[in-house]
């Protein structure tokens, strides 16, 4: 049985394209992990910064 050159070329091109194609994305990405409220920093509290040392 003779080999069809176009079918062989098509198969080689498909194989090469599959190597360089990035993996397909999932339809629904998973939800990001939630941060517990206790670990979250309250917004009403202001962060304290050290005063600038003018002697240095």
N, C-alpha and C. Protein backbone atom coordinates (compact mmCIF):
# COMPACT_ATOMS: atom_id res chain seq x y z
N UNK A 1 0.86 -1.18 0.00
CA UNK A 1 0.00 0.00 0.00
C UNK A 1 0.90 1.24 0.00
N UNK A 2 0.76 2.13 -0.97
CA UNK A 2 1.61 3.31 -1.03
C UNK A 2 1.24 4.33 0.05
N UNK A 3 2.24 5.06 0.50
CA UNK A 3 2.04 6.07 1.54
C UNK A 3 1.64 7.38 0.85
N UNK A 4 0.60 7.99 1.35
CA UNK A 4 0.15 9.28 0.81
C UNK A 4 1.08 10.37 1.35
N UNK A 5 1.84 11.06 0.51
CA UNK A 5 2.78 12.08 1.01
C UNK A 5 2.07 13.25 1.68
N UNK A 6 0.90 13.62 1.22
CA UNK A 6 0.17 14.73 1.84
C UNK A 6 -0.34 14.35 3.23
N UNK A 7 -0.78 13.12 3.40
CA UNK A 7 -1.23 12.66 4.71
C UNK A 7 -0.05 12.61 5.69
N UNK A 8 1.09 12.16 5.20
CA UNK A 8 2.28 12.10 6.05
C UNK A 8 2.72 13.51 6.45
N UNK A 9 2.71 14.43 5.48
CA UNK A 9 3.09 15.81 5.79
C UNK A 9 2.11 16.42 6.78
N UNK A 10 0.82 16.17 6.59
CA UNK A 10 -0.19 16.69 7.50
C UNK A 10 0.04 16.15 8.91
N UNK A 11 0.34 14.88 9.04
CA UNK A 11 0.58 14.27 10.35
C UNK A 11 1.81 14.88 11.02
N UNK A 12 2.87 15.12 10.22
CA UNK A 12 4.07 15.72 10.79
C UNK A 12 3.81 17.15 11.24
N UNK A 13 3.08 17.91 10.44
CA UNK A 13 2.77 19.29 10.82
C UNK A 13 1.91 19.35 12.07
N UNK A 14 0.94 18.46 12.15
CA UNK A 14 0.09 18.42 13.36
C UNK A 14 0.90 18.07 14.60
N UNK A 15 1.83 17.14 14.46
CA UNK A 15 2.66 16.74 15.60
C UNK A 15 3.55 17.90 16.05
N UNK A 16 4.14 18.62 15.10
CA UNK A 16 4.98 19.76 15.45
C UNK A 16 4.16 20.89 16.07
N UNK A 17 2.98 21.13 15.53
CA UNK A 17 2.13 22.20 16.08
C UNK A 17 1.70 21.85 17.49
N UNK A 18 1.44 20.59 17.75
CA UNK A 18 1.02 20.18 19.10
C UNK A 18 2.15 20.37 20.11
N UNK A 19 3.39 20.24 19.67
CA UNK A 19 4.52 20.42 20.58
C UNK A 19 4.63 21.86 21.07
N UNK A 20 4.32 22.82 20.21
CA UNK A 20 4.52 24.22 20.56
C UNK A 20 3.25 24.95 20.96
N UNK A 21 2.13 24.26 20.94
CA UNK A 21 0.87 24.88 21.34
C UNK A 21 0.76 24.84 22.86
N UNK A 22 0.46 25.96 23.52
CA UNK A 22 0.30 25.91 24.98
C UNK A 22 -0.92 25.07 25.35
N UNK A 23 -0.92 24.49 26.54
CA UNK A 23 -2.06 23.67 26.94
C UNK A 23 -3.33 24.50 27.03
N UNK A 24 -4.44 23.88 26.73
CA UNK A 24 -5.73 24.59 26.74
C UNK A 24 -6.09 24.97 28.17
N UNK A 25 -6.70 26.16 28.31
CA UNK A 25 -7.12 26.61 29.63
C UNK A 25 -8.40 25.91 30.03
N UNK A 26 -8.60 25.77 31.33
CA UNK A 26 -9.84 25.18 31.83
C UNK A 26 -10.98 26.15 31.63
N UNK A 27 -12.17 25.62 31.49
CA UNK A 27 -13.35 26.46 31.26
C UNK A 27 -13.60 27.36 32.46
N UNK A 28 -13.55 26.82 33.64
CA UNK A 28 -13.78 27.58 34.87
C UNK A 28 -12.55 27.46 35.77
N UNK A 29 -11.81 28.55 35.95
CA UNK A 29 -10.67 28.46 36.87
C UNK A 29 -11.14 28.29 38.31
N UNK A 30 -10.32 27.65 39.11
CA UNK A 30 -10.69 27.44 40.50
C UNK A 30 -10.64 28.76 41.25
N UNK A 31 -11.46 28.88 42.27
CA UNK A 31 -11.52 30.11 43.05
C UNK A 31 -10.22 30.28 43.83
N UNK A 32 -9.70 31.51 43.92
CA UNK A 32 -8.48 31.72 44.69
C UNK A 32 -8.74 31.48 46.18
N UNK A 33 -7.73 31.05 46.92
CA UNK A 33 -7.95 30.82 48.34
C UNK A 33 -8.32 32.12 49.06
N UNK A 34 -9.28 32.03 49.95
CA UNK A 34 -9.73 33.23 50.66
C UNK A 34 -8.85 33.46 51.88
N UNK A 35 -8.66 34.72 52.23
CA UNK A 35 -7.86 35.10 53.39
C UNK A 35 -8.80 35.22 54.59
N UNK A 36 -8.49 34.58 55.70
CA UNK A 36 -9.35 34.70 56.87
C UNK A 36 -9.40 36.15 57.36
N UNK A 37 -10.53 36.55 57.93
CA UNK A 37 -10.69 37.93 58.40
C UNK A 37 -9.72 38.26 59.53
N UNK A 38 -9.37 37.30 60.34
CA UNK A 38 -8.47 37.55 61.46
C UNK A 38 -7.07 37.93 60.96
N UNK A 39 -6.66 37.38 59.83
CA UNK A 39 -5.33 37.66 59.31
C UNK A 39 -5.29 38.99 58.55
N UNK A 40 -6.44 39.45 58.14
CA UNK A 40 -6.48 40.71 57.38
C UNK A 40 -6.22 41.88 58.32
N UNK A 41 -5.48 42.85 57.85
CA UNK A 41 -5.16 44.02 58.66
C UNK A 41 -6.33 44.99 58.65
N UNK A 42 -6.77 45.45 59.81
CA UNK A 42 -7.89 46.39 59.82
C UNK A 42 -7.52 47.71 59.14
N UNK A 43 -8.45 48.26 58.38
CA UNK A 43 -8.16 49.48 57.64
C UNK A 43 -8.16 50.71 58.54
N UNK A 44 -8.89 50.66 59.67
CA UNK A 44 -8.98 51.84 60.53
C UNK A 44 -7.66 52.11 61.25
N UNK A 45 -6.86 51.08 61.44
CA UNK A 45 -5.57 51.25 62.12
C UNK A 45 -4.55 51.79 61.12
N UNK A 46 -3.88 52.85 61.47
CA UNK A 46 -2.85 53.39 60.59
C UNK A 46 -1.50 52.80 60.97
N UNK A 47 -0.69 52.56 59.98
CA UNK A 47 0.63 52.01 60.25
C UNK A 47 1.52 53.09 60.82
N UNK A 48 2.31 52.74 61.82
CA UNK A 48 3.23 53.70 62.43
C UNK A 48 4.58 53.57 61.75
N UNK A 49 5.15 54.70 61.44
CA UNK A 49 6.48 54.69 60.82
C UNK A 49 7.44 55.35 61.80
N UNK A 50 8.66 54.93 61.75
CA UNK A 50 9.68 55.50 62.63
C UNK A 50 9.99 56.93 62.17
N UNK A 51 10.17 57.84 63.11
CA UNK A 51 10.50 59.22 62.70
C UNK A 51 11.87 59.28 62.04
N UNK A 52 12.02 60.17 61.12
CA UNK A 52 13.30 60.31 60.43
C UNK A 52 14.34 60.83 61.39
N UNK A 53 15.49 60.21 61.41
CA UNK A 53 16.57 60.63 62.31
C UNK A 53 17.40 61.69 61.59
N UNK A 54 17.33 62.92 62.07
CA UNK A 54 18.04 64.01 61.39
C UNK A 54 19.54 64.00 61.74
N UNK A 55 19.94 63.28 62.82
CA UNK A 55 21.34 63.25 63.22
C UNK A 55 22.16 62.30 62.35
N UNK A 56 21.52 61.41 61.67
CA UNK A 56 22.26 60.40 60.91
C UNK A 56 22.71 60.90 59.60
